[in-house]
Amino acid sequence: MDILFIHNNFPGQFKHLAPALAAQGHRVLALTPRVDGVKKWEGVTVVPYQIKAPKAQQVHSWLLDMDTKLHRAEGAYRAAVDLKKQGFNPVAVIAHPGWGESLFMKDVWPDARLGLFCELYYQSVDGGMNFDPEFPVREVATEPLRIRMKNLNNRLHHEIMDAGICPTKFQLSSYPDSLKSKITISHDGIDTNNVRPNPEARLEIAGLSLTKEDEVITFVNRNLEPYRGYHIFMRALPELLKRRPNATVLIVGGDGVSYGAAAPRGQTWKQIFIDEVRGQISDEDWARVHFLGKIPYDKFLTMLQVTSAHVYLTYPFVLSWSMIEAMASEAPIVANDVAPVTEVLVDGQNGLLVDFFDKDGLVDRVCTVLDDKELAARMGKAARELAVSKYDLKSVCMPNQLNWIENLIARPRIDPQD
């Protein structure tokens, strides 16, 4: 069977599912703007589409997001038409709709079933956008209106969605009740045979050589930004360094923005919060803080194997893969008490929880983990047990995803709507 994947950053969440379907003998293609020409990857044919530059026009600020998505949707549509002319007729189109590309796939292939990766439905109340009072929305009165328009892409997709798949209960809870019955919960999956503890691990990075015998505190963001608690961690750092004179602090993450608002023009969140706390930290202590940037995956996994305390902070948003990877590595975890986290962590059982804004409480909890080796080991083992039982790629998540594909193909079709 022909199966098409669509993802702006392919493979993204489909890095396991697409190759698995190709390995079953299906002809699997993927549309993405991230390649220059047709390429082969893990048995998948990756095909580019072109984004046509928009003409200069006046667009309402609340529509800018949808305007960008519409240009991507048009580019993907034209590439899909070309694929159809070449004889490619998928029984299923599997897409991450977040960038708009899959809006018109049913217009090209009316008989194809459209399966969507349902990451999040934006909310103006009880969502990440109003979580942190330090970064308030610009116009409180009109914020619900802006969010309603931001969900326009979601709504248009869900009119034509045959079925959806969603990684966590928290993410599913963001969707309207009218859609939940069409969405299956199944995490993308973590290869817990590869992501595992190793008491003999040694991390060689940035001139350091660290093992489980060292006191290592780790903090990871894709990009260092408030949405993932970077500012809170940095504000906890002066006291943490004073109380842990032998600790090495490793901070992983880029200088850009993944989710929240951009830093003020010409600045980065990374440097803004370094500047805020640097005067409170002696040169000797600062020498123990290492910003590693974005590191290779094997180094990242080794870091999780040697960490003595792994700090994870987030707004109420999508749970990071790194959280489950830390659990699978038996890392002792200190995280904030927020819905996506409490779906996987129980305070005192497989991690320690703290209020997101309580930097002093964060320091206390990290010190508890560092001082109580028995507690740290017990929580680490419990965390791995949960990661293996609920999030293992091969035994749990991949079978669930393949079953979802089978059910998707068997569903009665939903036609595009005018």
Protein backbone atom coordinates (compact mmCIF):
# COMPACT_ATOMS: atom_id res chain seq x y z
CA MET A 1 0.00 0.00 0.00
CA ASP A 2 1.01 3.61 -0.56
CA ILE A 3 1.27 5.71 2.61
CA LEU A 4 2.18 9.40 2.79
CA PHE A 5 3.64 11.23 5.78
CA ILE A 6 3.66 15.02 6.08
CA HIS A 7 5.77 16.89 8.61
CA ASN A 8 7.45 20.27 8.42
CA ASN A 9 10.48 18.82 10.25
CA PHE A 10 10.27 15.23 9.03
CA PRO A 11 10.69 12.71 10.54
CA GLY A 12 9.76 14.50 13.81
CA GLN A 13 7.29 12.36 15.75
CA PHE A 14 7.21 9.86 12.88
CA LYS A 15 10.87 8.81 13.14
CA HIS A 16 9.89 5.29 14.22
CA LEU A 17 6.50 4.81 12.59
CA ALA A 18 7.42 5.74 9.01
CA PRO A 19 10.41 3.34 8.80
CA ALA A 20 8.35 0.59 10.46
CA LEU A 21 5.70 0.83 7.75
CA ALA A 22 8.38 0.88 5.04
CA ALA A 23 9.91 -2.25 6.59
CA GLN A 24 6.52 -3.97 6.27
CA GLY A 25 6.75 -3.52 2.50
CA HIS A 26 4.56 -0.45 2.05
CA ARG A 27 5.61 2.30 -0.34
CA VAL A 28 6.14 5.16 2.10
CA LEU A 29 6.72 8.76 1.01
CA ALA A 30 7.15 11.88 3.11
CA LEU A 31 6.54 15.50 2.17
CA THR A 32 8.64 18.18 3.87
CA PRO A 33 10.22 21.51 2.92
CA ARG A 34 13.46 20.55 4.71
CA VAL A 35 15.17 18.75 1.82
CA ASP A 36 16.52 20.13 -1.46
CA GLY A 37 15.66 17.10 -3.58
CA VAL A 38 14.21 13.61 -3.36
CA LYS A 39 16.11 11.55 -0.78
CA LYS A 40 15.93 8.08 0.77
CA TRP A 41 15.85 7.73 4.55
CA GLU A 42 15.27 4.47 6.45
CA GLY A 43 13.31 3.05 3.51
CA VAL A 44 11.20 6.21 3.17
CA THR A 45 11.28 8.38 0.04
CA VAL A 46 11.48 11.98 1.24
CA VAL A 47 10.07 14.49 -1.25
CA PRO A 48 10.41 18.29 -1.00
CA TYR A 49 7.67 20.81 -1.51
CA GLN A 50 8.18 24.48 -2.24
CA ILE A 51 6.73 27.34 -0.22
CA LYS A 52 5.67 30.16 -2.51
CA ALA A 53 6.71 33.54 -1.16
CA PRO A 54 3.63 35.57 -0.21
CA LYS A 55 2.89 38.79 -2.03
CA ALA A 56 3.08 41.95 0.02
CA GLN A 57 -0.34 42.53 1.52
CA GLN A 58 -2.01 43.84 4.62
CA VAL A 59 -2.88 40.92 6.92
CA HIS A 60 -4.53 41.26 10.30
CA SER A 61 -2.11 40.29 13.07
CA TRP A 62 -4.49 37.60 14.31
CA LEU A 63 -4.41 36.02 10.84
CA LEU A 64 -0.64 36.03 10.32
CA ASP A 65 -0.33 32.52 11.76
CA MET A 66 -3.00 31.14 9.43
CA ASP A 67 -1.60 33.04 6.45
CA THR A 68 1.77 31.32 6.94
CA LYS A 69 0.11 27.93 7.23
CA LEU A 70 -1.96 28.53 4.10
CA HIS A 71 1.16 29.19 2.02
CA ARG A 72 2.64 25.91 3.25
CA ALA A 73 -0.65 24.11 2.54
CA GLU A 74 -0.63 25.40 -1.02
CA GLY A 75 2.95 24.27 -1.58
CA ALA A 76 2.22 20.80 -0.18
CA TYR A 77 -0.97 20.59 -2.25
CA ARG A 78 0.91 21.28 -5.50
CA ALA A 79 3.56 18.70 -4.61
CA ALA A 80 0.80 16.18 -3.85
CA VAL A 81 -0.83 16.82 -7.24
CA ASP A 82 2.53 16.02 -8.90
CA LEU A 83 2.82 12.80 -6.87
CA LYS A 84 -0.67 11.76 -7.96
CA LYS A 85 0.25 12.33 -11.61
CA GLN A 86 3.20 9.97 -11.05
CA GLY A 87 0.84 7.24 -9.87
CA PHE A 88 1.17 7.64 -6.10
CA ASN A 89 -2.21 7.08 -4.43
CA PRO A 90 -1.95 6.64 -0.66
CA VAL A 91 -4.52 4.74 1.34
CA ALA A 92 -3.54 6.91 4.28
CA VAL A 93 -2.01 10.33 4.81
CA ILE A 94 -0.38 10.70 8.23
CA ALA A 95 0.37 14.30 9.11
CA HIS A 96 1.40 16.68 11.83
CA PRO A 97 -1.06 19.48 11.02
CA GLY A 98 0.74 22.15 13.03
CA TRP A 99 2.21 23.88 9.99
CA GLY A 100 -0.89 23.60 7.80
CA GLU A 101 0.60 21.43 5.06
CA SER A 102 -2.06 18.71 5.13
CA LEU A 103 -5.10 20.99 4.76
CA PHE A 104 -5.81 20.05 1.14
CA MET A 105 -4.67 16.41 0.97
CA LYS A 106 -8.26 15.15 0.84
CA ASP A 107 -8.79 17.36 -2.21
CA VAL A 108 -6.01 15.49 -3.98
CA TRP A 109 -6.83 12.00 -2.68
CA PRO A 110 -10.51 11.90 -1.56
CA ASP A 111 -10.32 8.18 -0.79
CA ALA A 112 -7.27 8.47 1.47
CA ARG A 113 -7.80 8.33 5.21
CA LEU A 114 -6.31 11.31 7.02
CA GLY A 115 -4.63 10.52 10.33
CA LEU A 116 -3.40 13.49 12.36
CA PHE A 117 -0.80 13.74 15.07
CA CYS A 118 -2.77 15.76 17.62
CA GLU A 119 -0.13 17.64 19.58
CA LEU A 120 -2.11 20.40 21.28
CA TYR A 121 -5.27 22.48 21.00
CA TYR A 122 -4.45 26.03 22.04
CA GLN A 123 -6.26 27.40 25.06
CA SER A 124 -6.47 30.95 26.37
CA VAL A 125 -7.51 29.70 29.83
CA ASP A 126 -5.58 27.07 31.84
CA GLY A 127 -2.91 26.87 29.16
CA GLY A 128 0.75 27.82 28.98
CA MET A 129 -0.01 31.24 27.57
CA ASN A 130 -1.30 32.61 30.89
CA PHE A 131 0.79 30.44 33.18
CA ASP A 132 3.71 32.74 33.94
CA PRO A 133 2.78 36.23 35.25
CA GLU A 134 6.28 37.45 34.43
CA PHE A 135 5.45 37.18 30.74
CA PRO A 136 1.81 38.28 30.50
CA VAL A 137 -0.14 38.43 27.27
CA ARG A 138 -0.13 41.87 25.69
CA GLU A 139 -3.90 42.33 25.52
CA VAL A 140 -5.82 40.30 28.09
CA ALA A 141 -9.25 41.20 26.71
CA THR A 142 -8.51 40.11 23.16
CA GLU A 143 -6.30 37.10 23.93
CA PRO A 144 -9.21 34.60 23.70
CA LEU A 145 -10.03 36.03 20.28
CA ARG A 146 -6.45 35.64 19.06
CA ILE A 147 -6.29 32.06 20.35
CA ARG A 148 -9.59 31.26 18.64
CA MET A 149 -8.07 32.40 15.36
CA LYS A 150 -4.85 30.51 16.09
CA ASN A 151 -6.96 27.36 16.38
CA LEU A 152 -8.43 27.95 12.92
CA ASN A 153 -5.87 25.58 11.42
CA ASN A 154 -6.79 22.94 14.03
CA ARG A 155 -10.49 23.33 13.32
CA LEU A 156 -10.16 23.08 9.55
CA HIS A 157 -8.05 19.96 9.92
CA HIS A 158 -10.36 18.32 12.39
CA GLU A 159 -13.33 18.72 10.04
CA ILE A 160 -11.61 16.30 7.66
CA MET A 161 -9.67 14.15 10.15
CA ASP A 162 -10.56 10.46 10.02
CA ALA A 163 -8.65 9.71 13.22
CA GLY A 164 -6.03 11.26 15.46
CA ILE A 165 -3.21 10.06 17.66
CA CYS A 166 -2.00 11.93 20.73
CA PRO A 167 1.01 11.17 22.97
CA THR A 168 -0.38 11.91 26.44
CA LYS A 169 -3.59 12.33 28.44
CA PHE A 170 -2.67 15.95 29.15
CA GLN A 171 -2.40 16.77 25.46
CA LEU A 172 -5.71 15.04 24.73
CA SER A 173 -7.35 17.05 27.53
CA SER A 174 -6.66 20.27 25.61
CA TYR A 175 -9.01 19.22 22.78
CA PRO A 176 -12.75 19.95 22.66
CA ASP A 177 -14.95 17.09 23.84
CA SER A 178 -16.40 16.78 20.34
CA LEU A 179 -13.01 15.62 19.02
CA LYS A 180 -11.72 13.42 21.82
CA SER A 181 -13.59 10.30 20.71
CA LYS A 182 -11.66 10.32 17.42
CA ILE A 183 -8.25 10.55 19.07
CA THR A 184 -6.21 7.61 20.38
CA ILE A 185 -3.60 8.12 23.11
CA SER A 186 -0.26 6.57 22.20
CA HIS A 187 3.15 8.02 22.94
CA ASP A 188 5.76 8.23 20.17
CA GLY A 189 7.87 5.76 22.15
CA ILE A 190 11.33 5.58 23.71
CA ASP A 191 13.75 2.78 22.86
CA THR A 192 14.40 1.72 26.44
CA ASN A 193 16.87 -0.93 25.25
CA ASN A 194 19.07 1.93 24.07
CA VAL A 195 18.05 4.55 26.62
CA ARG A 196 19.00 2.78 29.82
CA PRO A 197 21.13 3.14 32.96
CA ASN A 198 24.83 2.39 32.85
CA PRO A 199 26.69 2.59 36.18
CA GLU A 200 30.01 2.48 34.30
CA ALA A 201 29.19 5.42 32.01
CA ARG A 202 31.73 8.18 31.54
CA LEU A 203 30.85 11.50 29.94
CA GLU A 204 33.68 13.17 28.06
CA ILE A 205 32.57 16.64 27.05
CA ALA A 206 33.77 20.27 27.16
CA GLY A 207 37.06 19.20 28.70
CA LEU A 208 35.25 17.30 31.46
CA SER A 209 35.35 13.64 32.38
CA LEU A 210 32.38 12.74 34.59
CA THR A 211 31.04 9.50 36.05
CA LYS A 212 28.41 8.42 38.56
CA GLU A 213 30.97 9.11 41.27
CA ASP A 214 30.81 12.83 40.53
CA GLU A 215 28.04 15.17 41.66
CA VAL A 216 26.39 16.27 38.44
CA ILE A 217 23.30 18.46 38.09
CA THR A 218 21.71 18.55 34.63
CA PHE A 219 19.15 20.79 32.94
CA VAL A 220 17.95 20.32 29.36
CA ASN A 221 15.92 22.45 26.92
CA ARG A 222 15.78 22.21 23.15
CA ASN A 223 16.27 25.96 23.35
CA LEU A 224 16.89 27.81 26.60
CA GLU A 225 13.68 29.73 27.18
CA PRO A 226 11.09 30.53 29.88
CA TYR A 227 8.51 28.07 28.48
CA ARG A 228 10.76 25.27 29.76
CA GLY A 229 11.71 26.99 33.01
CA TYR A 230 15.19 28.17 32.10
CA HIS A 231 14.72 31.44 34.01
CA ILE A 232 13.65 29.60 37.17
CA PHE A 233 16.62 27.26 37.02
CA MET A 234 19.04 30.11 36.51
CA ARG A 235 17.60 32.01 39.47
CA ALA A 236 18.06 28.92 41.63
CA LEU A 237 21.65 28.54 40.49
CA PRO A 238 23.43 31.01 42.85
CA GLU A 239 22.10 29.30 45.99
CA LEU A 240 22.47 25.83 44.48
CA LEU A 241 26.17 26.43 43.75
CA LYS A 242 26.74 27.75 47.28
CA ARG A 243 25.12 24.72 48.88
CA ARG A 244 26.80 22.22 46.55
CA PRO A 245 30.46 23.26 46.35
CA ASN A 246 31.46 20.05 44.55
CA ALA A 247 28.68 19.96 41.98
CA THR A 248 29.17 20.31 38.25
CA VAL A 249 26.22 21.88 36.44
CA LEU A 250 25.55 20.91 32.82
CA ILE A 251 23.04 22.99 30.84
CA VAL A 252 21.98 21.73 27.40
CA GLY A 253 20.06 23.80 24.88
CA GLY A 254 20.31 26.23 21.99
CA ASP A 255 20.01 30.01 21.89
CA GLY A 256 16.79 30.16 19.89
CA VAL A 257 13.10 29.78 20.72
CA SER A 258 11.05 26.61 20.36
CA TYR A 259 7.72 27.47 21.92
CA GLY A 260 7.30 30.78 23.71
CA ALA A 261 7.86 34.38 22.74
CA ALA A 262 11.17 35.51 21.31
CA ALA A 263 13.57 37.43 23.51
CA PRO A 264 13.75 41.22 23.02
CA ARG A 265 15.35 42.16 19.72
CA GLY A 266 19.07 41.48 19.56
CA GLN A 267 19.08 39.39 22.75
CA THR A 268 18.69 35.75 23.78
CA TRP A 269 16.90 34.34 26.80
CA LYS A 270 20.09 32.46 27.58
CA GLN A 271 22.15 35.62 27.97
CA ILE A 272 19.38 37.65 29.62
CA PHE A 273 19.24 35.28 32.59
CA ILE A 274 22.99 34.75 32.71
CA ASP A 275 23.31 38.50 33.08
CA GLU A 276 20.63 38.54 35.78
CA VAL A 277 22.38 36.04 38.08
CA ARG A 278 26.06 36.28 37.18
CA GLY A 279 26.78 38.97 39.75
CA GLN A 280 25.51 36.68 42.51
CA ILE A 281 27.95 33.90 41.62
CA SER A 282 31.67 33.88 42.34
CA ASP A 283 34.12 33.21 39.50
CA GLU A 284 35.12 29.97 41.20
CA ASP A 285 31.52 28.74 41.32
CA TRP A 286 30.75 29.97 37.81
CA ALA A 287 33.59 27.82 36.50
CA ARG A 288 31.52 24.79 37.50
CA VAL A 289 28.63 25.81 35.21
CA HIS A 290 28.89 24.52 31.65
CA PHE A 291 26.62 25.58 28.80
CA LEU A 292 26.93 22.74 26.29
CA GLY A 293 24.63 24.04 23.58
CA LYS A 294 23.05 21.29 21.48
CA ILE A 295 24.95 18.04 21.89
CA PRO A 296 24.99 14.72 19.98
CA TYR A 297 22.36 12.24 21.08
CA ASP A 298 24.88 9.70 22.37
CA LYS A 299 26.45 12.37 24.59
CA PHE A 300 23.00 13.37 25.80
CA LEU A 301 22.19 9.79 26.82
CA THR A 302 25.52 9.41 28.59
CA MET A 303 24.83 12.65 30.46
CA LEU A 304 21.54 11.20 31.71
CA GLN A 305 23.41 8.09 32.85
CA VAL A 306 25.88 10.04 34.99
CA THR A 307 23.59 12.75 36.36
CA SER A 308 23.04 12.92 40.11
CA ALA A 309 20.00 15.20 39.81
CA HIS A 310 18.13 15.99 36.61
CA VAL A 311 15.96 19.12 36.70
CA TYR A 312 12.93 19.33 34.41
CA LEU A 313 10.73 22.43 34.35
CA THR A 314 7.90 23.31 32.00
CA TYR A 315 4.77 25.36 31.54
CA PRO A 316 1.59 23.23 31.17
CA PHE A 317 2.56 22.14 27.68
CA VAL A 318 3.72 19.14 25.69
CA LEU A 319 5.88 16.79 27.77
CA SER A 320 9.44 16.65 26.40
CA TRP A 321 10.90 13.40 25.09
CA SER A 322 13.88 14.17 27.35
CA MET A 323 11.68 13.63 30.40
CA ILE A 324 10.87 10.04 29.47
CA GLU A 325 14.47 9.49 28.38
CA ALA A 326 15.67 10.67 31.80
CA MET A 327 13.23 8.27 33.46
CA ALA A 328 14.40 5.39 31.27
CA SER A 329 17.99 6.20 32.27
CA GLU A 330 17.13 5.95 36.01
CA ALA A 331 18.07 9.59 36.45
CA PRO A 332 16.94 11.06 39.81
CA ILE A 333 14.46 13.73 38.69
CA VAL A 334 13.30 16.98 40.24
CA ALA A 335 10.43 18.48 38.23
CA ASN A 336 7.65 20.98 38.66
CA ASP A 337 4.18 20.02 39.79
CA VAL A 338 2.16 20.62 36.63
CA ALA A 339 -0.32 18.40 34.77
CA PRO A 340 1.92 17.02 31.97
CA VAL A 341 4.57 16.10 34.55
CA THR A 342 2.26 14.54 37.12
CA GLU A 343 0.99 12.21 34.41
CA VAL A 344 4.36 10.41 34.69
CA LEU A 345 5.81 11.41 38.08
CA VAL A 346 4.43 10.82 41.57
CA ASP A 347 6.15 12.89 44.25
CA GLY A 348 8.47 10.77 46.35
CA GLN A 349 7.92 7.62 44.27
CA ASN A 350 9.71 8.17 40.99
CA GLY A 351 10.76 11.80 41.34
CA LEU A 352 10.42 14.91 43.48
CA LEU A 353 7.99 17.67 42.59
CA VAL A 354 8.12 21.40 43.31
CA ASP A 355 6.10 24.46 42.38
CA PHE A 356 7.37 25.93 39.10
CA PHE A 357 7.98 29.39 40.59
CA ASP A 358 9.57 28.22 43.88
CA LYS A 359 13.28 28.57 43.18
CA ASP A 360 14.17 28.05 46.85
CA GLY A 361 12.06 24.91 46.95
CA LEU A 362 13.81 23.75 43.79
CA VAL A 363 17.19 24.13 45.50
CA ASP A 364 15.96 22.21 48.54
CA ARG A 365 14.61 19.37 46.44
CA VAL A 366 17.79 19.06 44.37
CA CYS A 367 19.83 18.96 47.58
CA THR A 368 17.52 16.26 48.97
CA VAL A 369 18.20 14.09 45.94
CA LEU A 370 21.94 14.71 46.16
CA ASP A 371 22.13 13.98 49.89
CA ASP A 372 19.87 10.91 49.95
CA LYS A 373 21.50 8.38 47.63
CA GLU A 374 19.08 5.64 48.65
CA LEU A 375 16.07 7.80 47.78
CA ALA A 376 17.66 8.83 44.48
CA ALA A 377 18.34 5.23 43.51
CA ARG A 378 14.86 4.05 44.50
CA MET A 379 13.13 6.83 42.55
CA GLY A 380 15.36 6.25 39.54
CA LYS A 381 14.46 2.56 39.40
CA ALA A 382 10.75 3.32 39.76
CA ALA A 383 10.99 5.93 37.00
CA ARG A 384 12.56 3.40 34.63
CA GLU A 385 9.94 0.79 35.47
CA LEU A 386 7.20 3.21 34.41
CA ALA A 387 9.09 4.27 31.27
CA VAL A 388 9.49 0.63 30.21
CA SER A 389 5.92 -0.42 31.03
CA LYS A 390 4.13 2.54 29.41
CA TYR A 391 6.49 4.20 26.93
CA ASP A 392 8.77 1.50 25.52
CA LEU A 393 8.94 1.80 21.75
CA LYS A 394 9.07 -1.85 20.71
CA SER A 395 6.80 -3.54 23.24
CA VAL A 396 4.16 -0.84 23.78
CA CYS A 397 4.15 2.22 21.55
CA MET A 398 4.96 0.82 18.12
CA PRO A 399 2.33 -1.95 18.35
CA ASN A 400 -0.19 0.70 19.43
CA GLN A 401 0.73 2.97 16.51
CA LEU A 402 0.57 0.17 13.94
CA ASN A 403 -2.81 -0.87 15.30
CA TRP A 404 -3.95 2.75 14.99
CA ILE A 405 -2.86 2.75 11.33
CA GLU A 406 -4.85 -0.42 10.64
CA ASN A 407 -7.95 1.03 12.27
CA LEU A 408 -7.48 4.31 10.41
CA ILE A 409 -7.41 2.58 7.01
CA ALA A 410 -10.51 0.54 7.91
CA ARG A 411 -12.59 3.62 8.84
CA PRO A 412 -15.32 5.00 6.57
CA ARG A 413 -13.90 7.99 4.75
CA ILE A 414 -14.60 11.62 5.61
CA ASP A 415 -14.82 13.92 2.59
CA PRO A 416 -13.38 17.44 2.38
CA GLN A 417 -15.88 20.11 3.34
CA ASP A 418 -16.65 23.38 1.57
